Amino acid sequence: MTLILSIPIFGKLSELSKNELDIFQLVHNFSIVSDIISNSEISEGKTYQILQMLSDEGFINPE
């Protein structure tokens, strides 16, 4: 699966935690979920949770 950044981004990036910002940047850099997981410095499960939250909050979308 490929993910992309939402345009426009309605949420405030300043409200994201450090880990959430890191995953947001990985989405920008890699797009492919398996690559995001592989490059994440946090656990796979937590990375999936953050991806789901970013999607639910409108920061990212599936392509």
C-alpha atoms as a PDB file:
ATOM      1  CA  MET A   1       0.000   0.000   0.000  1.00  0.00           C
ATOM      2  CA  THR A   2       1.162   3.510  -0.801  1.00  0.00           C
ATOM      3  CA  LEU A   3       0.408   6.529   1.388  1.00  0.00           C
ATOM      4  CA  ILE A   4       0.535  10.202   0.463  1.00  0.00           C
ATOM      5  CA  LEU A   5       0.346  13.457   2.390  1.00  0.00           C
ATOM      6  CA  SER A   6      -3.043  15.133   2.418  1.00  0.00           C
ATOM      7  CA  ILE A   7      -3.328  18.373   0.491  1.00  0.00           C
ATOM      8  CA  PRO A   8      -4.283  20.569   2.180  1.00  0.00           C
ATOM      9  CA  ILE A   9      -3.351  19.389   5.662  1.00  0.00           C
ATOM     10  CA  PHE A  10      -6.129  20.542   7.968  1.00  0.00           C
ATOM     11  CA  GLY A  11      -4.541  19.440  11.237  1.00  0.00           C
ATOM     12  CA  LYS A  12      -1.765  21.362  12.933  1.00  0.00           C
ATOM     13  CA  LEU A  13       1.639  19.716  12.658  1.00  0.00           C
ATOM     14  CA  SER A  14       2.637  21.502  15.871  1.00  0.00           C
ATOM     15  CA  GLU A  15       0.137  19.321  17.746  1.00  0.00           C
ATOM     16  CA  LEU A  16       1.837  16.059  16.702  1.00  0.00           C
ATOM     17  CA  SER A  17       4.222  14.255  19.040  1.00  0.00           C
ATOM     18  CA  LYS A  18       7.848  13.610  18.085  1.00  0.00           C
ATOM     19  CA  ASN A  19       7.045  10.013  17.076  1.00  0.00           C
ATOM     20  CA  GLU A  20       4.026  11.137  15.050  1.00  0.00           C
ATOM     21  CA  LEU A  21       6.134  13.723  13.228  1.00  0.00           C
ATOM     22  CA  ASP A  22       8.803  11.102  12.546  1.00  0.00           C
ATOM     23  CA  ILE A  23       6.236   8.775  10.971  1.00  0.00           C
ATOM     24  CA  PHE A  24       4.713  11.675   9.013  1.00  0.00           C
ATOM     25  CA  GLN A  25       8.191  12.380   7.596  1.00  0.00           C
ATOM     26  CA  LEU A  26       8.657   8.706   6.731  1.00  0.00           C
ATOM     27  CA  VAL A  27       5.391   8.823   4.770  1.00  0.00           C
ATOM     28  CA  HIS A  28       6.745  11.829   2.886  1.00  0.00           C
ATOM     29  CA  ASN A  29      10.118  10.159   2.255  1.00  0.00           C
ATOM     30  CA  PHE A  30       9.060   6.588   1.428  1.00  0.00           C
ATOM     31  CA  SER A  31       5.272   6.384   0.779  1.00  0.00           C
ATOM     32  CA  ILE A  32       5.222   2.561   0.740  1.00  0.00           C
ATOM     33  CA  VAL A  33       3.996   1.143   4.050  1.00  0.00           C
ATOM     34  CA  SER A  34       6.579  -1.656   4.197  1.00  0.00           C
ATOM     35  CA  ASP A  35       9.366   0.908   3.682  1.00  0.00           C
ATOM     36  CA  ILE A  36       7.888   3.159   6.363  1.00  0.00           C
ATOM     37  CA  ILE A  37       7.793   0.229   8.796  1.00  0.00           C
ATOM     38  CA  SER A  38      11.356  -0.823   7.904  1.00  0.00           C
ATOM     39  CA  ASN A  39      12.732   2.678   8.449  1.00  0.00           C
ATOM     40  CA  SER A  40      10.789   3.485  11.611  1.00  0.00           C
ATOM     41  CA  GLU A  41      12.785   3.660  14.843  1.00  0.00           C
ATOM     42  CA  ILE A  42       9.743   2.625  16.887  1.00  0.00           C
ATOM     43  CA  SER A  43       7.958  -0.727  17.042  1.00  0.00           C
ATOM     44  CA  GLU A  44       5.979  -2.030  14.109  1.00  0.00           C
ATOM     45  CA  GLY A  45       2.754  -2.053  16.126  1.00  0.00           C
ATOM     46  CA  LYS A  46       3.198   1.539  17.322  1.00  0.00           C
ATOM     47  CA  THR A  47       4.089   2.654  13.793  1.00  0.00           C
ATOM     48  CA  TYR A  48       0.846   1.125  12.475  1.00  0.00           C
ATOM     49  CA  GLN A  49      -1.089   2.868  15.260  1.00  0.00           C
ATOM     50  CA  ILE A  50       0.433   6.211  14.334  1.00  0.00           C
ATOM     51  CA  LEU A  51      -0.249   5.652  10.626  1.00  0.00           C
ATOM     52  CA  GLN A  52      -3.888   4.937  11.460  1.00  0.00           C
ATOM     53  CA  MET A  53      -4.123   8.066  13.619  1.00  0.00           C
ATOM     54  CA  LEU A  54      -2.510  10.225  10.917  1.00  0.00           C
ATOM     55  CA  SER A  55      -5.021   8.857   8.422  1.00  0.00           C
ATOM     56  CA  ASP A  56      -7.990   9.330  10.773  1.00  0.00           C
ATOM     57  CA  GLU A  57      -6.909  12.926  11.507  1.00  0.00           C
ATOM     58  CA  GLY A  58      -6.495  13.753   7.807  1.00  0.00           C
ATOM     59  CA  PHE A  59      -2.708  14.136   7.660  1.00  0.00           C
ATOM     60  CA  ILE A  60      -2.191  11.241   5.217  1.00  0.00           C
ATOM     61  CA  ASN A  61      -4.282   9.274   2.726  1.00  0.00           C
ATOM     62  CA  PRO A  62      -3.929   6.034   0.771  1.00  0.00           C
ATOM     63  CA  GLU A  63      -2.966   6.675  -2.828  1.00  0.00           C
END
